[in-house]
Amino acid sequence: MKLILNSRDELMSIDLSQVVYFLADGNFTRIVFDNKLILTAGIGMSKMEKLLSEFIVKTRSHVLMMRAGKSHIINVSKIVQVNVLKQQVLLAGGTGILFTVNISREAAKQLKELLAKKNV
């Protein structure tokens, strides 16, 4: 699945299967890919969430992306471990690449519950 970000000055074609997570950075959003590439989009996180709304599902059905607190949107299929006590999510990138993301306790609980439900 591709997300097209088109602004006055540039166009970005984002393959969502390669995105590990989105990170809020003021009025910008950093897009972190599984090969450690980081692109910066000229839109804020709330607008990015609206663009991704068809991929962010809040039910037990297919979920590709999930908002994890104010600063992150995480690719659920990349989650390796959720640690509620440490408030961290471990995400798999490319071969041998792991990403650790610090999130709120509430966001960690929600991710853990989502993954537990998917496994049932």
Protein backbone atom coordinates (compact mmCIF):
# COMPACT_ATOMS: atom_id res chain seq x y z
CA MET A 1 0.00 0.00 0.00
CA LYS A 2 1.31 3.40 -0.94
CA LEU A 3 0.69 6.78 0.62
CA ILE A 4 1.25 9.77 -1.65
CA LEU A 5 2.22 13.04 0.05
CA ASN A 6 1.92 15.90 -2.42
CA SER A 7 2.85 19.46 -1.49
CA ARG A 8 3.60 22.57 -3.49
CA ASP A 9 7.30 21.75 -3.72
CA GLU A 10 7.59 17.97 -3.57
CA LEU A 11 5.87 14.63 -3.90
CA MET A 12 6.68 11.63 -1.69
CA SER A 13 5.54 8.10 -2.46
CA ILE A 14 5.62 6.09 0.77
CA ASP A 15 5.41 2.29 0.73
CA LEU A 16 3.64 1.70 4.06
CA SER A 17 4.92 -1.87 4.32
CA GLN A 18 8.43 -0.43 4.68
CA VAL A 19 7.51 2.18 7.32
CA VAL A 20 8.36 1.22 10.90
CA TYR A 21 6.86 4.30 12.54
CA PHE A 22 5.97 7.97 12.16
CA LEU A 23 7.33 10.46 14.70
CA ALA A 24 5.95 13.93 15.44
CA ASP A 25 8.52 16.72 15.16
CA GLY A 26 6.76 20.05 15.66
CA ASN A 27 4.95 20.96 12.44
CA PHE A 28 6.71 18.11 10.64
CA THR A 29 6.49 14.31 10.72
CA ARG A 30 9.53 12.08 10.50
CA ILE A 31 8.97 8.83 8.66
CA VAL A 32 11.27 6.00 9.78
CA PHE A 33 11.75 3.13 7.34
CA ASP A 34 12.90 -0.42 8.02
CA ASN A 35 16.30 0.25 6.40
CA LYS A 36 16.97 3.17 8.85
CA LEU A 37 16.15 5.81 6.23
CA ILE A 38 14.37 8.80 7.78
CA LEU A 39 12.38 11.25 5.67
CA THR A 40 10.75 14.42 6.93
CA ALA A 41 7.30 15.31 5.65
CA GLY A 42 6.16 18.94 5.79
CA ILE A 43 2.94 18.12 7.62
CA GLY A 44 2.13 17.70 11.30
CA MET A 45 1.17 14.48 13.03
CA SER A 46 -2.57 15.23 13.18
CA LYS A 47 -2.72 15.79 9.42
CA MET A 48 -0.61 12.66 8.87
CA GLU A 49 -3.06 10.71 11.04
CA LYS A 50 -5.94 11.94 8.86
CA LEU A 51 -4.11 10.86 5.70
CA LEU A 52 -3.47 7.45 7.27
CA SER A 53 -7.01 7.13 8.65
CA GLU A 54 -7.93 4.28 6.30
CA PHE A 55 -4.96 2.31 7.65
CA ILE A 56 -5.49 3.19 11.32
CA VAL A 57 -8.33 0.96 12.45
CA LYS A 58 -9.54 0.87 16.01
CA THR A 59 -11.33 -2.47 15.87
CA ARG A 60 -10.18 -6.08 16.09
CA SER A 61 -10.13 -6.35 12.31
CA HIS A 62 -7.05 -5.77 10.16
CA VAL A 63 -4.83 -3.05 11.58
CA LEU A 64 -1.81 -1.73 9.74
CA MET A 65 -1.02 1.43 11.71
CA MET A 66 -1.91 2.51 15.23
CA ARG A 67 -1.54 5.84 16.98
CA ALA A 68 0.62 5.34 20.08
CA GLY A 69 0.33 8.53 22.10
CA LYS A 70 0.86 12.08 20.88
CA SER A 71 4.14 11.49 19.10
CA HIS A 72 3.98 8.15 17.29
CA ILE A 73 2.04 6.18 14.72
CA ILE A 74 3.40 2.63 14.69
CA ASN A 75 3.25 -0.07 12.02
CA VAL A 76 1.65 -2.89 14.01
CA SER A 77 3.14 -5.62 11.81
CA LYS A 78 6.66 -4.51 12.86
CA ILE A 79 6.08 -4.96 16.60
CA VAL A 80 8.34 -7.55 18.22
CA GLN A 81 7.81 -6.71 21.90
CA VAL A 82 5.70 -4.37 24.02
CA ASN A 83 6.97 -3.62 27.52
CA VAL A 84 4.36 -1.73 29.54
CA LEU A 85 6.59 -1.24 32.60
CA LYS A 86 9.47 0.22 30.58
CA GLN A 87 6.99 2.05 28.33
CA GLN A 88 8.79 0.78 25.24
CA VAL A 89 8.00 -0.95 21.98
CA LEU A 90 10.60 -2.96 20.10
CA LEU A 91 10.08 -2.86 16.34
CA ALA A 92 11.74 -4.96 13.64
CA GLY A 93 13.33 -3.24 10.69
CA GLY A 94 15.31 -4.90 7.95
CA THR A 95 17.61 -7.84 8.56
CA GLY A 96 19.02 -7.51 12.07
CA ILE A 97 17.73 -3.95 12.53
CA LEU A 98 15.69 -3.21 15.65
CA PHE A 99 14.12 0.07 16.75
CA THR A 100 13.21 0.94 20.35
CA VAL A 101 10.43 3.50 20.70
CA ASN A 102 9.48 5.09 24.03
CA ILE A 103 5.74 5.60 24.37
CA SER A 104 3.30 6.37 27.16
CA ARG A 105 2.16 3.65 29.53
CA GLU A 106 -1.40 3.95 28.23
CA ALA A 107 -0.27 3.59 24.60
CA ALA A 108 1.82 0.53 25.57
CA LYS A 109 -1.24 -1.04 27.24
CA GLN A 110 -3.37 -0.40 24.14
CA LEU A 111 -0.78 -1.95 21.82
CA LYS A 112 -0.40 -4.96 24.09
CA GLU A 113 -4.19 -5.47 24.21
CA LEU A 114 -4.46 -5.12 20.43
CA LEU A 115 -1.77 -7.71 19.81
CA ALA A 116 -3.25 -10.07 22.40
CA LYS A 117 -6.67 -9.83 20.70
CA LYS A 118 -5.18 -10.47 17.26
CA ASN A 119 -3.61 -13.66 18.60
CA VAL A 120 -6.88 -15.02 20.01
